[in-house]
Amino acid sequence: MTRSRMVRSALGAGLLLAACGGDERPAVDAGPCWPLNATPGGQVQLGTGDITFEPMPDVLPIINNLSQSDPYLQVHARIHGIPPGNSEDALDPRNPRTKLGAVVTDLNPPLEVVFCPASIGYVASSEPGAFDLLHSLRIGFMKTPLDQVSGKQARITVEVVGSNGLYAKDEKLVTLMLMSSAAPGAGAAVPPAAGLP
């Protein structure tokens, strides 16, 4: 029997922030993490990109920069036939539940990263009739040594349940590749102007 390492994380920061005061709405019952009662229907397309959706490539960068303490993957989603919810309110119960997962089977034992679903609304896509996740979600590697995952294959999965009770899933086998860069918005080194040291 193959043992697997599992990393589980709940994306409940929105609920914690809601408890910080200034918002008089009653507490939201998040209900079960997963699985949710749903019927197959609608479509979801797996993608990447930070804000703008890009189709999932065959080689997915592992991003290692100062924007997050551990290296991560950017995973995005595009939906059809599932209500987009409210992109301005992560606590809106009409928001789709978007669940990510990654399994690196080339490791011994395999590494499985599983998340509870995020409650983030979607926005109108450049593709007619489609909606894109407001921004990508990140799958972090925590303390996993990067030399163990870079160059390995991973199965990336996205699952979505809409407020209309429809469920859709997409997955792709990709090769993970380490990419080191400065944090987004941190400002890259600028060469000095001519004549300055």
N, C-alpha and C. Protein backbone atom coordinates (compact mmCIF):
# COMPACT_ATOMS: atom_id res chain seq x y z
N MET A 1 0.84 -1.17 0.00
CA MET A 1 0.00 0.00 0.00
C MET A 1 0.89 1.24 0.00
N THR A 2 0.62 2.19 -0.89
CA THR A 2 1.41 3.40 -0.98
C THR A 2 0.88 4.44 0.00
N ARG A 3 1.76 4.93 0.83
CA ARG A 3 1.37 6.00 1.74
C ARG A 3 1.52 7.32 1.02
N SER A 4 0.69 8.26 1.34
CA SER A 4 0.84 9.58 0.72
C SER A 4 0.84 10.64 1.81
N ARG A 5 1.61 11.69 1.55
CA ARG A 5 1.62 12.84 2.44
C ARG A 5 0.49 13.75 2.01
N MET A 6 -0.25 14.26 2.93
CA MET A 6 -1.33 15.17 2.59
C MET A 6 -1.13 16.49 3.32
N VAL A 7 -1.31 17.56 2.59
CA VAL A 7 -1.26 18.89 3.16
C VAL A 7 -2.66 19.46 3.02
N ARG A 8 -3.28 19.80 4.11
CA ARG A 8 -4.64 20.33 4.06
C ARG A 8 -4.63 21.76 4.59
N SER A 9 -5.41 22.59 3.93
CA SER A 9 -5.50 23.98 4.36
C SER A 9 -6.90 24.48 4.12
N ALA A 10 -7.43 25.22 5.05
CA ALA A 10 -8.75 25.83 4.86
C ALA A 10 -8.56 27.27 4.45
N LEU A 11 -9.31 27.67 3.44
CA LEU A 11 -9.22 29.05 2.97
C LEU A 11 -10.31 29.86 3.68
N GLY A 12 -10.17 30.02 4.98
CA GLY A 12 -11.20 30.68 5.76
C GLY A 12 -10.82 32.06 6.23
N ALA A 13 -9.85 32.69 5.59
CA ALA A 13 -9.41 34.02 6.03
C ALA A 13 -10.56 35.01 5.97
N GLY A 14 -11.43 34.87 4.99
CA GLY A 14 -12.58 35.78 4.87
C GLY A 14 -13.47 35.71 6.09
N LEU A 15 -13.68 34.51 6.62
CA LEU A 15 -14.51 34.36 7.81
C LEU A 15 -13.83 34.98 9.02
N LEU A 16 -12.51 34.84 9.12
CA LEU A 16 -11.79 35.44 10.23
C LEU A 16 -11.86 36.96 10.17
N LEU A 17 -11.70 37.52 8.96
CA LEU A 17 -11.76 38.96 8.80
C LEU A 17 -13.14 39.49 9.13
N ALA A 18 -14.19 38.71 8.82
CA ALA A 18 -15.55 39.15 9.09
C ALA A 18 -15.78 39.31 10.58
N ALA A 19 -15.06 38.57 11.40
CA ALA A 19 -15.24 38.62 12.84
C ALA A 19 -14.49 39.78 13.48
N CYS A 20 -13.80 40.58 12.68
CA CYS A 20 -12.96 41.65 13.23
C CYS A 20 -13.74 42.92 13.54
N GLY A 21 -15.06 42.94 13.38
CA GLY A 21 -15.84 44.12 13.70
C GLY A 21 -16.05 45.00 12.50
N GLY A 22 -16.95 45.98 12.65
CA GLY A 22 -17.24 46.89 11.56
C GLY A 22 -18.26 46.31 10.57
N ASP A 23 -18.59 45.07 10.68
CA ASP A 23 -19.56 44.43 9.79
C ASP A 23 -20.60 43.77 10.69
N GLU A 24 -21.81 44.26 10.65
CA GLU A 24 -22.84 43.80 11.56
C GLU A 24 -23.65 42.63 11.02
N ARG A 25 -23.24 42.04 9.90
CA ARG A 25 -23.98 40.90 9.35
C ARG A 25 -23.84 39.70 10.29
N PRO A 26 -24.87 38.83 10.32
CA PRO A 26 -24.75 37.63 11.14
C PRO A 26 -23.68 36.70 10.59
N ALA A 27 -23.14 35.86 11.45
CA ALA A 27 -22.11 34.91 11.03
C ALA A 27 -22.66 33.97 9.96
N VAL A 28 -21.82 33.64 9.01
CA VAL A 28 -22.21 32.75 7.92
C VAL A 28 -21.86 31.32 8.30
N ASP A 29 -22.82 30.40 8.14
CA ASP A 29 -22.53 28.99 8.38
C ASP A 29 -21.87 28.44 7.12
N ALA A 30 -20.60 28.14 7.21
CA ALA A 30 -19.85 27.68 6.04
C ALA A 30 -20.29 26.29 5.60
N GLY A 31 -20.93 25.54 6.47
CA GLY A 31 -21.38 24.20 6.10
C GLY A 31 -20.21 23.25 5.94
N PRO A 32 -20.45 22.12 5.30
CA PRO A 32 -19.38 21.14 5.14
C PRO A 32 -18.31 21.64 4.18
N CYS A 33 -17.08 21.17 4.37
CA CYS A 33 -15.99 21.56 3.48
C CYS A 33 -16.19 20.93 2.10
N TRP A 34 -16.30 19.63 2.05
CA TRP A 34 -16.41 18.91 0.77
C TRP A 34 -16.65 17.45 1.08
N PRO A 35 -17.40 16.71 0.32
CA PRO A 35 -18.11 17.11 -0.89
C PRO A 35 -19.41 17.85 -0.55
N LEU A 36 -19.89 18.60 -1.53
CA LEU A 36 -21.14 19.33 -1.40
C LEU A 36 -22.20 18.63 -2.24
N ASN A 37 -23.46 18.76 -1.84
CA ASN A 37 -24.54 18.18 -2.63
C ASN A 37 -24.64 18.93 -3.95
N ALA A 38 -24.50 18.23 -5.05
CA ALA A 38 -24.52 18.87 -6.36
C ALA A 38 -24.81 17.84 -7.44
N THR A 39 -25.22 18.34 -8.60
CA THR A 39 -25.51 17.52 -9.78
C THR A 39 -24.54 17.91 -10.87
N PRO A 40 -23.94 16.96 -11.59
CA PRO A 40 -23.04 17.32 -12.69
C PRO A 40 -23.74 18.25 -13.69
N GLY A 41 -23.05 19.30 -14.08
CA GLY A 41 -23.60 20.26 -15.03
C GLY A 41 -22.72 21.49 -15.09
N GLY A 42 -22.90 22.29 -16.11
CA GLY A 42 -22.02 23.44 -16.30
C GLY A 42 -20.63 22.95 -16.70
N GLN A 43 -19.71 23.87 -16.80
CA GLN A 43 -18.33 23.53 -17.17
C GLN A 43 -17.36 24.41 -16.40
N VAL A 44 -16.18 23.88 -16.12
CA VAL A 44 -15.08 24.66 -15.57
C VAL A 44 -13.83 24.33 -16.37
N GLN A 45 -13.04 25.37 -16.65
CA GLN A 45 -11.77 25.18 -17.35
C GLN A 45 -10.64 25.57 -16.41
N LEU A 46 -9.68 24.68 -16.26
CA LEU A 46 -8.52 24.90 -15.42
C LEU A 46 -7.57 25.87 -16.11
N GLY A 47 -7.02 26.80 -15.35
CA GLY A 47 -6.09 27.76 -15.94
C GLY A 47 -5.05 28.21 -14.94
N THR A 48 -4.28 29.22 -15.33
CA THR A 48 -3.27 29.82 -14.48
C THR A 48 -3.30 31.32 -14.71
N GLY A 49 -2.32 32.04 -14.19
CA GLY A 49 -2.30 33.50 -14.28
C GLY A 49 -2.69 34.08 -12.94
N ASP A 50 -2.17 35.24 -12.60
CA ASP A 50 -2.46 35.84 -11.31
C ASP A 50 -3.85 36.46 -11.29
N ILE A 51 -4.09 37.46 -12.12
CA ILE A 51 -5.40 38.12 -12.20
C ILE A 51 -6.12 37.67 -13.47
N THR A 52 -5.44 37.71 -14.59
CA THR A 52 -6.04 37.36 -15.88
C THR A 52 -5.93 35.87 -16.13
N PHE A 53 -7.04 35.25 -16.50
CA PHE A 53 -7.08 33.82 -16.79
C PHE A 53 -6.25 33.50 -18.02
N GLU A 54 -5.43 32.47 -17.92
CA GLU A 54 -4.68 31.92 -19.05
C GLU A 54 -4.92 30.40 -19.04
N PRO A 55 -5.11 29.77 -20.20
CA PRO A 55 -5.27 28.31 -20.21
C PRO A 55 -4.08 27.63 -19.54
N MET A 56 -4.34 26.51 -18.90
CA MET A 56 -3.28 25.79 -18.18
C MET A 56 -2.24 25.27 -19.17
N PRO A 57 -0.96 25.65 -18.99
CA PRO A 57 0.09 25.18 -19.89
C PRO A 57 0.53 23.76 -19.54
N ASP A 58 1.36 23.18 -20.39
CA ASP A 58 1.91 21.85 -20.11
C ASP A 58 2.98 21.90 -19.02
N VAL A 59 3.67 23.05 -18.91
CA VAL A 59 4.68 23.26 -17.87
C VAL A 59 4.18 24.40 -16.99
N LEU A 60 3.95 24.10 -15.71
CA LEU A 60 3.41 25.08 -14.77
C LEU A 60 4.52 25.56 -13.85
N PRO A 61 4.76 26.89 -13.81
CA PRO A 61 5.83 27.41 -12.95
C PRO A 61 5.51 27.27 -11.46
N ILE A 62 6.52 26.87 -10.69
CA ILE A 62 6.48 26.97 -9.23
C ILE A 62 7.08 28.34 -8.94
N ILE A 63 6.30 29.24 -8.37
CA ILE A 63 6.76 30.60 -8.14
C ILE A 63 7.36 30.69 -6.74
N ASN A 64 8.58 31.22 -6.69
CA ASN A 64 9.30 31.34 -5.43
C ASN A 64 9.79 32.77 -5.31
N ASN A 65 8.99 33.61 -4.63
CA ASN A 65 9.37 35.01 -4.47
C ASN A 65 8.92 35.52 -3.11
N LEU A 66 9.04 36.80 -2.88
CA LEU A 66 8.77 37.36 -1.55
C LEU A 66 7.29 37.64 -1.29
N SER A 67 6.41 37.38 -2.26
CA SER A 67 4.99 37.66 -2.04
C SER A 67 4.34 36.63 -1.13
N GLN A 68 4.97 35.51 -0.93
CA GLN A 68 4.46 34.45 -0.07
C GLN A 68 5.64 33.71 0.53
N SER A 69 5.50 33.24 1.76
CA SER A 69 6.64 32.62 2.44
C SER A 69 7.04 31.28 1.85
N ASP A 70 6.07 30.56 1.28
CA ASP A 70 6.43 29.28 0.67
C ASP A 70 6.20 29.33 -0.84
N PRO A 71 6.91 28.53 -1.62
CA PRO A 71 6.71 28.48 -3.07
C PRO A 71 5.28 28.04 -3.37
N TYR A 72 4.75 28.49 -4.51
CA TYR A 72 3.35 28.22 -4.81
C TYR A 72 3.10 28.09 -6.32
N LEU A 73 1.91 27.56 -6.63
CA LEU A 73 1.39 27.50 -7.99
C LEU A 73 0.22 28.46 -8.08
N GLN A 74 0.08 29.16 -9.21
CA GLN A 74 -1.09 29.99 -9.45
C GLN A 74 -2.08 29.16 -10.25
N VAL A 75 -3.28 28.98 -9.69
CA VAL A 75 -4.32 28.20 -10.37
C VAL A 75 -5.55 29.08 -10.53
N HIS A 76 -6.07 29.12 -11.74
CA HIS A 76 -7.21 29.96 -12.09
C HIS A 76 -8.33 29.08 -12.62
N ALA A 77 -9.52 29.65 -12.77
CA ALA A 77 -10.66 28.88 -13.27
C ALA A 77 -11.58 29.76 -14.11
N ARG A 78 -12.21 29.16 -15.10
CA ARG A 78 -13.21 29.82 -15.96
C ARG A 78 -14.44 28.92 -15.98
N ILE A 79 -15.62 29.50 -15.72
CA ILE A 79 -16.84 28.70 -15.66
C ILE A 79 -17.83 29.07 -16.76
N HIS A 80 -18.67 28.09 -17.13
CA HIS A 80 -19.79 28.26 -18.06
C HIS A 80 -20.99 27.56 -17.41
N GLY A 81 -22.17 28.20 -17.46
CA GLY A 81 -23.38 27.54 -16.99
C GLY A 81 -23.49 27.42 -15.48
N ILE A 82 -22.65 28.14 -14.76
CA ILE A 82 -22.68 28.17 -13.30
C ILE A 82 -22.76 29.64 -12.89
N PRO A 83 -23.70 30.02 -12.02
CA PRO A 83 -23.80 31.43 -11.63
C PRO A 83 -22.49 31.96 -11.05
N PRO A 84 -22.09 33.19 -11.46
CA PRO A 84 -20.78 33.72 -11.04
C PRO A 84 -20.72 34.20 -9.60
N GLY A 85 -21.86 34.43 -8.97
CA GLY A 85 -21.83 34.94 -7.60
C GLY A 85 -21.49 36.42 -7.56
N ASN A 86 -20.98 36.87 -6.43
CA ASN A 86 -20.69 38.28 -6.19
C ASN A 86 -19.19 38.44 -5.95
N SER A 87 -18.50 38.98 -6.94
CA SER A 87 -17.04 39.11 -6.85
C SER A 87 -16.60 40.15 -5.82
N GLU A 88 -17.53 40.96 -5.31
CA GLU A 88 -17.17 42.00 -4.34
C GLU A 88 -17.42 41.57 -2.90
N ASP A 89 -17.93 40.34 -2.69
CA ASP A 89 -18.23 39.89 -1.34
C ASP A 89 -17.94 38.40 -1.21
N ALA A 90 -16.82 38.07 -0.58
CA ALA A 90 -16.43 36.66 -0.43
C ALA A 90 -17.37 35.90 0.50
N LEU A 91 -18.22 36.61 1.27
CA LEU A 91 -19.15 35.96 2.18
C LEU A 91 -20.54 35.77 1.58
N ASP A 92 -20.73 36.20 0.34
CA ASP A 92 -22.04 36.05 -0.30
C ASP A 92 -22.32 34.57 -0.51
N PRO A 93 -23.41 34.04 0.03
CA PRO A 93 -23.70 32.60 -0.10
C PRO A 93 -23.98 32.16 -1.53
N ARG A 94 -24.19 33.11 -2.44
CA ARG A 94 -24.41 32.75 -3.85
C ARG A 94 -23.11 32.50 -4.61
N ASN A 95 -21.96 32.76 -3.97
CA ASN A 95 -20.69 32.54 -4.65
C ASN A 95 -20.45 31.06 -4.89
N PRO A 96 -19.89 30.72 -6.06
CA PRO A 96 -19.51 29.32 -6.29
C PRO A 96 -18.45 28.89 -5.28
N ARG A 97 -18.40 27.62 -5.00
CA ARG A 97 -17.35 27.05 -4.16
C ARG A 97 -16.32 26.45 -5.11
N THR A 98 -15.09 26.96 -5.06
CA THR A 98 -14.02 26.54 -5.97
C THR A 98 -12.96 25.80 -5.16
N LYS A 99 -12.76 24.53 -5.49
CA LYS A 99 -11.83 23.68 -4.75
C LYS A 99 -10.66 23.29 -5.65
N LEU A 100 -9.45 23.42 -5.11
CA LEU A 100 -8.23 23.07 -5.85
C LEU A 100 -7.57 21.85 -5.23
N GLY A 101 -6.78 21.17 -6.04
CA GLY A 101 -5.97 20.07 -5.54
C GLY A 101 -4.79 19.84 -6.46
N ALA A 102 -3.74 19.28 -5.90
CA ALA A 102 -2.55 18.92 -6.68
C ALA A 102 -1.97 17.64 -6.10
N VAL A 103 -1.61 16.72 -6.97
CA VAL A 103 -0.99 15.47 -6.55
C VAL A 103 0.29 15.28 -7.35
N VAL A 104 1.42 15.19 -6.65
CA VAL A 104 2.71 14.92 -7.29
C VAL A 104 2.99 13.43 -7.04
N THR A 105 2.70 12.62 -8.05
CA THR A 105 2.80 11.17 -7.87
C THR A 105 4.22 10.65 -8.05
N ASP A 106 5.12 11.47 -8.63
CA ASP A 106 6.49 11.03 -8.86
C ASP A 106 7.31 10.97 -7.58
N LEU A 107 6.78 11.46 -6.46
CA LEU A 107 7.50 11.41 -5.20
C LEU A 107 7.17 10.13 -4.46
N ASN A 108 8.06 9.72 -3.58
CA ASN A 108 7.83 8.52 -2.80
C ASN A 108 7.99 8.87 -1.32
N PRO A 109 6.92 8.98 -0.53
CA PRO A 109 5.54 8.78 -0.94
C PRO A 109 5.02 9.98 -1.73
N PRO A 110 3.90 9.80 -2.48
CA PRO A 110 3.34 10.91 -3.26
C PRO A 110 2.94 12.08 -2.37
N LEU A 111 3.00 13.29 -2.92
CA LEU A 111 2.59 14.50 -2.21
C LEU A 111 1.21 14.90 -2.73
N GLU A 112 0.25 15.03 -1.82
CA GLU A 112 -1.10 15.45 -2.19
C GLU A 112 -1.44 16.71 -1.43
N VAL A 113 -1.77 17.78 -2.15
CA VAL A 113 -2.13 19.05 -1.55
C VAL A 113 -3.62 19.25 -1.80
N VAL A 114 -4.41 19.37 -0.73
CA VAL A 114 -5.86 19.45 -0.83
C VAL A 114 -6.34 20.67 -0.05
N PHE A 115 -7.29 21.41 -0.60
CA PHE A 115 -7.83 22.60 0.04
C PHE A 115 -9.33 22.47 0.19
N CYS A 116 -9.87 23.10 1.24
CA CYS A 116 -11.31 23.30 1.30
C CYS A 116 -11.65 24.35 0.24
N PRO A 117 -12.89 24.38 -0.24
CA PRO A 117 -13.20 25.31 -1.34
C PRO A 117 -13.18 26.77 -0.90
N ALA A 118 -12.78 27.63 -1.83
CA ALA A 118 -12.82 29.07 -1.64
C ALA A 118 -14.19 29.58 -2.06
N SER A 119 -14.63 30.66 -1.44
CA SER A 119 -15.92 31.27 -1.76
C SER A 119 -15.67 32.64 -2.37
N ILE A 120 -15.18 32.63 -3.61
CA ILE A 120 -14.85 33.87 -4.31
C ILE A 120 -15.71 33.95 -5.55
N GLY A 121 -16.27 35.13 -5.81
CA GLY A 121 -17.08 35.32 -7.00
C GLY A 121 -16.25 35.34 -8.27
N TYR A 122 -16.93 35.21 -9.38
CA TYR A 122 -16.32 35.25 -10.71
C TYR A 122 -16.73 36.53 -11.42
N VAL A 123 -15.95 36.97 -12.40
CA VAL A 123 -16.23 38.18 -13.17
C VAL A 123 -16.37 37.82 -14.64
N ALA A 124 -17.04 38.70 -15.41
CA ALA A 124 -17.25 38.45 -16.84
C ALA A 124 -15.91 38.21 -17.53
N SER A 125 -15.89 37.20 -18.37
CA SER A 125 -14.67 36.81 -19.08
C SER A 125 -14.62 37.46 -20.45
N SER A 126 -13.45 37.43 -21.07
CA SER A 126 -13.32 37.89 -22.46
C SER A 126 -13.98 36.89 -23.40
N GLU A 127 -14.22 35.68 -22.91
CA GLU A 127 -14.91 34.65 -23.70
C GLU A 127 -16.41 34.79 -23.47
N PRO A 128 -17.20 34.95 -24.54
CA PRO A 128 -18.65 35.15 -24.38
C PRO A 128 -19.30 34.02 -23.57
N GLY A 129 -20.18 34.41 -22.63
CA GLY A 129 -20.92 33.45 -21.84
C GLY A 129 -20.13 32.80 -20.72
N ALA A 130 -18.90 33.24 -20.52
CA ALA A 130 -18.04 32.63 -19.49
C ALA A 130 -17.73 33.65 -18.40
N PHE A 131 -17.30 33.13 -17.24
CA PHE A 131 -16.88 33.97 -16.13
C PHE A 131 -15.56 33.43 -15.58
N ASP A 132 -14.65 34.36 -15.25
CA ASP A 132 -13.34 33.99 -14.72
C ASP A 132 -13.30 34.28 -13.22
N LEU A 133 -12.60 33.42 -12.48
CA LEU A 133 -12.37 33.65 -11.05
C LEU A 133 -11.79 35.05 -10.89
N LEU A 134 -12.19 35.75 -9.83
CA LEU A 134 -11.74 37.13 -9.61
C LEU A 134 -10.22 37.23 -9.67
N HIS A 135 -9.53 36.27 -9.10
CA HIS A 135 -8.07 36.20 -9.15
C HIS A 135 -7.68 34.74 -8.93
N SER A 136 -6.43 34.42 -9.20
CA SER A 136 -6.00 33.04 -9.03
C SER A 136 -5.98 32.67 -7.55
N LEU A 137 -6.00 31.38 -7.31
CA LEU A 137 -5.81 30.83 -5.97
C LEU A 137 -4.42 30.19 -5.97
N ARG A 138 -3.80 30.13 -4.81
CA ARG A 138 -2.43 29.61 -4.73
C ARG A 138 -2.39 28.26 -4.03
N ILE A 139 -1.63 27.36 -4.60
CA ILE A 139 -1.34 26.09 -3.95
C ILE A 139 0.10 26.18 -3.46
N GLY A 140 0.29 26.21 -2.15
CA GLY A 140 1.63 26.35 -1.57
C GLY A 140 2.26 24.99 -1.28
N PHE A 141 3.58 24.96 -1.30
CA PHE A 141 4.32 23.72 -1.05
C PHE A 141 4.87 23.64 0.36
N MET A 142 4.65 24.67 1.16
CA MET A 142 5.10 24.70 2.55
C MET A 142 6.58 24.33 2.65
N LYS A 143 6.91 23.27 3.40
CA LYS A 143 8.33 22.94 3.63
C LYS A 143 8.83 21.84 2.70
N THR A 144 8.09 21.51 1.66
CA THR A 144 8.55 20.49 0.72
C THR A 144 9.78 21.00 -0.02
N PRO A 145 10.89 20.29 -0.02
CA PRO A 145 12.08 20.74 -0.75
C PRO A 145 11.78 20.88 -2.25
N LEU A 146 12.09 22.05 -2.79
CA LEU A 146 11.74 22.34 -4.19
C LEU A 146 12.45 21.43 -5.17
N ASP A 147 13.67 20.99 -4.84
CA ASP A 147 14.37 20.11 -5.77
C ASP A 147 13.65 18.76 -5.90
N GLN A 148 12.77 18.46 -4.95
CA GLN A 148 12.00 17.21 -5.04
C GLN A 148 10.79 17.33 -5.96
N VAL A 149 10.29 18.56 -6.18
CA VAL A 149 9.08 18.71 -7.01
C VAL A 149 9.35 19.33 -8.38
N SER A 150 10.41 20.13 -8.51
CA SER A 150 10.71 20.75 -9.81
C SER A 150 11.08 19.67 -10.82
N GLY A 151 10.44 19.73 -11.97
CA GLY A 151 10.67 18.74 -13.03
C GLY A 151 9.76 17.52 -12.92
N LYS A 152 8.97 17.45 -11.85
CA LYS A 152 8.07 16.31 -11.65
C LYS A 152 6.69 16.61 -12.25
N GLN A 153 5.94 15.55 -12.52
CA GLN A 153 4.57 15.71 -13.01
C GLN A 153 3.60 15.80 -11.85
N ALA A 154 2.58 16.63 -12.05
CA ALA A 154 1.54 16.79 -11.04
C ALA A 154 0.19 16.85 -11.72
N ARG A 155 -0.81 16.27 -11.08
CA ARG A 155 -2.18 16.36 -11.57
C ARG A 155 -2.85 17.51 -10.81
N ILE A 156 -3.19 18.59 -11.54
CA ILE A 156 -3.83 19.76 -10.96
C ILE A 156 -5.33 19.63 -11.22
N THR A 157 -6.14 19.86 -10.19
CA THR A 157 -7.58 19.69 -10.30
C THR A 157 -8.30 20.94 -9.81
N VAL A 158 -9.38 21.31 -10.51
CA VAL A 158 -10.29 22.34 -10.02
C VAL A 158 -11.70 21.76 -10.06
N GLU A 159 -12.45 21.99 -8.99
CA GLU A 159 -13.84 21.57 -8.91
C GLU A 159 -14.66 22.77 -8.46
N VAL A 160 -15.84 22.94 -9.07
CA VAL A 160 -16.68 24.08 -8.74
C VAL A 160 -18.11 23.61 -8.52
N VAL A 161 -18.74 24.11 -7.45
CA VAL A 161 -20.16 23.90 -7.20
C VAL A 161 -20.81 25.27 -7.16
N GLY A 162 -21.84 25.46 -8.01
CA GLY A 162 -22.54 26.74 -8.09
C GLY A 162 -23.74 26.80 -7.17
N SER A 163 -24.27 28.01 -6.99
CA SER A 163 -25.46 28.19 -6.16
C SER A 163 -26.68 27.53 -6.79
N ASN A 164 -26.59 27.19 -8.08
CA ASN A 164 -27.67 26.48 -8.76
C ASN A 164 -27.57 24.97 -8.57
N GLY A 165 -26.61 24.52 -7.75
CA GLY A 165 -26.46 23.11 -7.46
C GLY A 165 -25.74 22.30 -8.51
N LEU A 166 -25.13 22.98 -9.50
CA LEU A 166 -24.38 22.27 -10.54
C LEU A 166 -22.91 22.14 -10.16
N TYR A 167 -22.32 21.00 -10.55
CA TYR A 167 -20.94 20.67 -10.22
C TYR A 167 -20.17 20.43 -11.51
N ALA A 168 -18.95 20.99 -11.59
CA ALA A 168 -18.09 20.76 -12.74
C ALA A 168 -16.66 20.55 -12.26
N LYS A 169 -15.89 19.79 -13.03
CA LYS A 169 -14.51 19.46 -12.66
C LYS A 169 -13.64 19.46 -13.91
N ASP A 170 -12.39 19.90 -13.74
CA ASP A 170 -11.39 19.82 -14.81
C ASP A 170 -10.06 19.49 -14.15
N GLU A 171 -9.22 18.78 -14.87
CA GLU A 171 -7.89 18.45 -14.35
C GLU A 171 -6.92 18.31 -15.51
N LYS A 172 -5.65 18.47 -15.18
CA LYS A 172 -4.61 18.35 -16.21
C LYS A 172 -3.33 17.87 -15.55
N LEU A 173 -2.62 17.00 -16.28
CA LEU A 173 -1.30 16.55 -15.86
C LEU A 173 -0.28 17.54 -16.43
N VAL A 174 0.49 18.17 -15.54
CA VAL A 174 1.47 19.18 -15.94
C VAL A 174 2.84 18.82 -15.38
N THR A 175 3.87 19.43 -15.93
CA THR A 175 5.21 19.32 -15.37
C THR A 175 5.48 20.58 -14.57
N LEU A 176 5.92 20.43 -13.33
CA LEU A 176 6.22 21.57 -12.46
C LEU A 176 7.65 22.03 -12.70
N MET A 177 7.85 23.35 -12.76
CA MET A 177 9.18 23.88 -13.00
C MET A 177 9.41 25.10 -12.11
N LEU A 178 10.49 25.10 -11.34
CA LEU A 178 10.80 26.19 -10.42
C LEU A 178 11.15 27.46 -11.18
N MET A 179 10.53 28.57 -10.77
CA MET A 179 10.80 29.88 -11.36
C MET A 179 11.08 30.82 -10.19
N SER A 180 12.24 31.45 -10.15
CA SER A 180 12.55 32.42 -9.11
C SER A 180 12.45 33.81 -9.69
N SER A 181 11.79 34.71 -8.95
CA SER A 181 11.66 36.09 -9.42
C SER A 181 11.33 36.97 -8.23
N ALA A 182 11.34 38.28 -8.48
CA ALA A 182 10.97 39.23 -7.44
C ALA A 182 9.47 39.15 -7.22
N ALA A 183 9.04 39.61 -6.07
CA ALA A 183 7.62 39.62 -5.77
C ALA A 183 6.89 40.54 -6.73
N PRO A 184 5.67 40.18 -7.15
CA PRO A 184 4.90 41.07 -8.02
C PRO A 184 4.74 42.43 -7.36
N GLY A 185 5.02 43.48 -8.13
CA GLY A 185 4.87 44.82 -7.61
C GLY A 185 6.03 45.28 -6.74
N ALA A 186 6.99 44.41 -6.48
CA ALA A 186 8.10 44.79 -5.61
C ALA A 186 9.09 45.69 -6.32
N GLY A 187 9.03 45.70 -7.66
CA GLY A 187 9.95 46.54 -8.42
C GLY A 187 11.26 45.84 -8.69
N ALA A 188 11.52 45.60 -9.95
CA ALA A 188 12.77 44.96 -10.33
C ALA A 188 13.90 45.98 -10.23
N ALA A 189 15.11 45.49 -10.18
CA ALA A 189 16.26 46.39 -10.15
C ALA A 189 16.26 47.25 -11.41
N VAL A 190 16.39 48.55 -11.26
CA VAL A 190 16.38 49.47 -12.39
C VAL A 190 17.81 49.90 -12.67
N PRO A 191 18.25 49.78 -13.94
CA PRO A 191 19.63 50.21 -14.23
C PRO A 191 19.77 51.72 -14.02
N PRO A 192 20.95 52.18 -13.56
CA PRO A 192 21.11 53.62 -13.33
C PRO A 192 21.03 54.40 -14.62
N ALA A 193 20.58 55.66 -14.52
CA ALA A 193 20.50 56.53 -15.69
C ALA A 193 21.90 56.77 -16.22
N ALA A 194 21.97 57.11 -17.49
CA ALA A 194 23.27 57.33 -18.12
C ALA A 194 24.06 58.39 -17.34
N GLY A 195 25.31 58.14 -17.09
CA GLY A 195 26.19 59.08 -16.43
C GLY A 195 26.16 58.94 -14.90
N LEU A 196 25.23 58.11 -14.34
CA LEU A 196 25.19 57.93 -12.90
C LEU A 196 25.84 56.61 -12.53
N PRO A 197 26.46 56.52 -11.37
CA PRO A 197 27.10 55.28 -10.96
C PRO A 197 26.09 54.19 -10.64
